[in-house]
Amino acid sequence: MKKGIHPKYGPARFECACGNVIETRSTRQGVIKIEICSNCHPIFTGQQKLVDSAGRVEKFYRRYGDKARFSIKKEKKEKSEEKES
């Protein structure tokens, strides 16, 4: 490896807005302020709010009504008959 082209790798301290402090090593030394960490992020805490994707399906059915339901059932039935043949 060439000398003098790599940044220095030293201790770093990450401070989250929730108060959590993580000490590690990084090319950015000193204190680094972050807004969110694994202690307060919804995915890690289990308090994640799921987006209502079912609303999209219901909106589709309201827009196209029974025509869409009938055609989907018909396609499934045809595919299952083809597999049996």
C-alpha atoms as a PDB file:
ATOM      1  CA  MET A   1       0.000   0.000   0.000  1.00  0.00           C
ATOM      2  CA  LYS A   2       1.133   3.505  -0.659  1.00  0.00           C
ATOM      3  CA  LYS A   3       2.091   5.568   2.338  1.00  0.00           C
ATOM      4  CA  GLY A   4       0.499   8.917   3.068  1.00  0.00           C
ATOM      5  CA  ILE A   5      -2.700   8.485   1.017  1.00  0.00           C
ATOM      6  CA  HIS A   6      -4.927   6.874   3.655  1.00  0.00           C
ATOM      7  CA  PRO A   7      -6.784   8.932   6.264  1.00  0.00           C
ATOM      8  CA  LYS A   8      -5.972   8.456   9.925  1.00  0.00           C
ATOM      9  CA  TYR A   9      -8.157   5.915  11.706  1.00  0.00           C
ATOM     10  CA  GLY A  10      -8.754   6.761  15.333  1.00  0.00           C
ATOM     11  CA  PRO A  11     -11.264   6.851  18.180  1.00  0.00           C
ATOM     12  CA  ALA A  12     -14.628   8.486  17.578  1.00  0.00           C
ATOM     13  CA  ARG A  13     -17.584   9.146  19.825  1.00  0.00           C
ATOM     14  CA  PHE A  14     -21.104   9.135  18.369  1.00  0.00           C
ATOM     15  CA  GLU A  15     -23.689  11.006  20.459  1.00  0.00           C
ATOM     16  CA  CYS A  16     -27.352  10.479  19.599  1.00  0.00           C
ATOM     17  CA  ALA A  17     -30.138  12.976  20.226  1.00  0.00           C
ATOM     18  CA  CYS A  18     -31.727  10.433  22.616  1.00  0.00           C
ATOM     19  CA  GLY A  19     -28.602  10.538  24.805  1.00  0.00           C
ATOM     20  CA  ASN A  20     -27.035   7.247  23.740  1.00  0.00           C
ATOM     21  CA  VAL A  21     -23.250   7.339  23.324  1.00  0.00           C
ATOM     22  CA  ILE A  22     -21.377   4.919  21.062  1.00  0.00           C
ATOM     23  CA  GLU A  23     -17.597   4.803  21.179  1.00  0.00           C
ATOM     24  CA  THR A  24     -15.875   3.277  18.170  1.00  0.00           C
ATOM     25  CA  ARG A  25     -13.136   4.013  15.641  1.00  0.00           C
ATOM     26  CA  SER A  26     -13.528   6.059  12.479  1.00  0.00           C
ATOM     27  CA  THR A  27     -11.672   8.241  10.020  1.00  0.00           C
ATOM     28  CA  ARG A  28     -13.578  11.168  11.550  1.00  0.00           C
ATOM     29  CA  GLN A  29     -12.138  11.530  15.030  1.00  0.00           C
ATOM     30  CA  GLY A  30     -13.799  13.366  17.874  1.00  0.00           C
ATOM     31  CA  VAL A  31     -17.467  13.756  18.754  1.00  0.00           C
ATOM     32  CA  ILE A  32     -19.994  13.125  16.000  1.00  0.00           C
ATOM     33  CA  LYS A  33     -23.620  14.132  16.663  1.00  0.00           C
ATOM     34  CA  ILE A  34     -26.303  11.878  15.138  1.00  0.00           C
ATOM     35  CA  GLU A  35     -30.079  12.201  15.158  1.00  0.00           C
ATOM     36  CA  ILE A  36     -31.072   8.561  15.457  1.00  0.00           C
ATOM     37  CA  CYS A  37     -29.399   5.351  16.636  1.00  0.00           C
ATOM     38  CA  SER A  38     -30.245   1.697  17.232  1.00  0.00           C
ATOM     39  CA  ASN A  39     -31.648   2.507  20.683  1.00  0.00           C
ATOM     40  CA  CYS A  40     -34.254   4.962  19.412  1.00  0.00           C
ATOM     41  CA  HIS A  41     -34.906   3.877  15.791  1.00  0.00           C
ATOM     42  CA  PRO A  42     -38.430   2.383  15.377  1.00  0.00           C
ATOM     43  CA  ILE A  43     -37.207  -0.718  13.535  1.00  0.00           C
ATOM     44  CA  PHE A  44     -34.899  -1.721  16.400  1.00  0.00           C
ATOM     45  CA  THR A  45     -37.278  -0.754  19.226  1.00  0.00           C
ATOM     46  CA  GLY A  46     -40.264  -2.650  17.810  1.00  0.00           C
ATOM     47  CA  GLN A  47     -42.477   0.418  17.730  1.00  0.00           C
ATOM     48  CA  GLN A  48     -42.579   0.624  13.956  1.00  0.00           C
ATOM     49  CA  LYS A  49     -45.806   1.857  12.450  1.00  0.00           C
ATOM     50  CA  LEU A  50     -46.733  -0.095   9.345  1.00  0.00           C
ATOM     51  CA  VAL A  51     -47.969   1.747   6.283  1.00  0.00           C
ATOM     52  CA  ASP A  52     -51.509   0.779   5.360  1.00  0.00           C
ATOM     53  CA  SER A  53     -50.940  -1.014   2.071  1.00  0.00           C
ATOM     54  CA  ALA A  54     -54.339  -2.712   2.344  1.00  0.00           C
ATOM     55  CA  GLY A  55     -55.925   0.658   1.653  1.00  0.00           C
ATOM     56  CA  ARG A  56     -54.545   0.532  -1.874  1.00  0.00           C
ATOM     57  CA  VAL A  57     -56.219  -2.788  -2.600  1.00  0.00           C
ATOM     58  CA  GLU A  58     -59.530  -1.582  -1.210  1.00  0.00           C
ATOM     59  CA  LYS A  59     -59.256   1.610  -3.256  1.00  0.00           C
ATOM     60  CA  PHE A  60     -58.720  -0.534  -6.371  1.00  0.00           C
ATOM     61  CA  TYR A  61     -61.817  -2.614  -5.584  1.00  0.00           C
ATOM     62  CA  ARG A  62     -63.886   0.530  -4.967  1.00  0.00           C
ATOM     63  CA  ARG A  63     -62.760   1.938  -8.288  1.00  0.00           C
ATOM     64  CA  TYR A  64     -63.266  -1.181 -10.419  1.00  0.00           C
ATOM     65  CA  GLY A  65     -65.797  -3.018  -8.264  1.00  0.00           C
ATOM     66  CA  ASP A  66     -66.874  -6.595  -8.944  1.00  0.00           C
ATOM     67  CA  LYS A  67     -65.330  -6.600 -12.428  1.00  0.00           C
ATOM     68  CA  ALA A  68     -61.847  -6.802 -10.931  1.00  0.00           C
ATOM     69  CA  ARG A  69     -62.797  -9.462  -8.377  1.00  0.00           C
ATOM     70  CA  PHE A  70     -64.460 -11.633 -10.999  1.00  0.00           C
ATOM     71  CA  SER A  71     -61.568 -11.400 -13.479  1.00  0.00           C
ATOM     72  CA  ILE A  72     -58.981 -12.254 -10.797  1.00  0.00           C
ATOM     73  CA  LYS A  73     -60.955 -15.319  -9.675  1.00  0.00           C
ATOM     74  CA  LYS A  74     -61.444 -16.368 -13.293  1.00  0.00           C
ATOM     75  CA  GLU A  75     -57.698 -16.127 -14.025  1.00  0.00           C
ATOM     76  CA  LYS A  76     -56.836 -18.203 -10.958  1.00  0.00           C
ATOM     77  CA  LYS A  77     -59.372 -20.851 -11.940  1.00  0.00           C
ATOM     78  CA  GLU A  78     -58.022 -21.041 -15.490  1.00  0.00           C
ATOM     79  CA  LYS A  79     -54.441 -21.402 -14.254  1.00  0.00           C
ATOM     80  CA  SER A  80     -55.363 -24.197 -11.869  1.00  0.00           C
ATOM     81  CA  GLU A  81     -57.222 -26.051 -14.679  1.00  0.00           C
ATOM     82  CA  GLU A  82     -54.143 -25.712 -16.931  1.00  0.00           C
ATOM     83  CA  LYS A  83     -51.896 -27.206 -14.244  1.00  0.00           C
ATOM     84  CA  GLU A  84     -54.225 -30.186 -13.818  1.00  0.00           C
ATOM     85  CA  SER A  85     -54.242 -30.916 -17.546  1.00  0.00           C
END
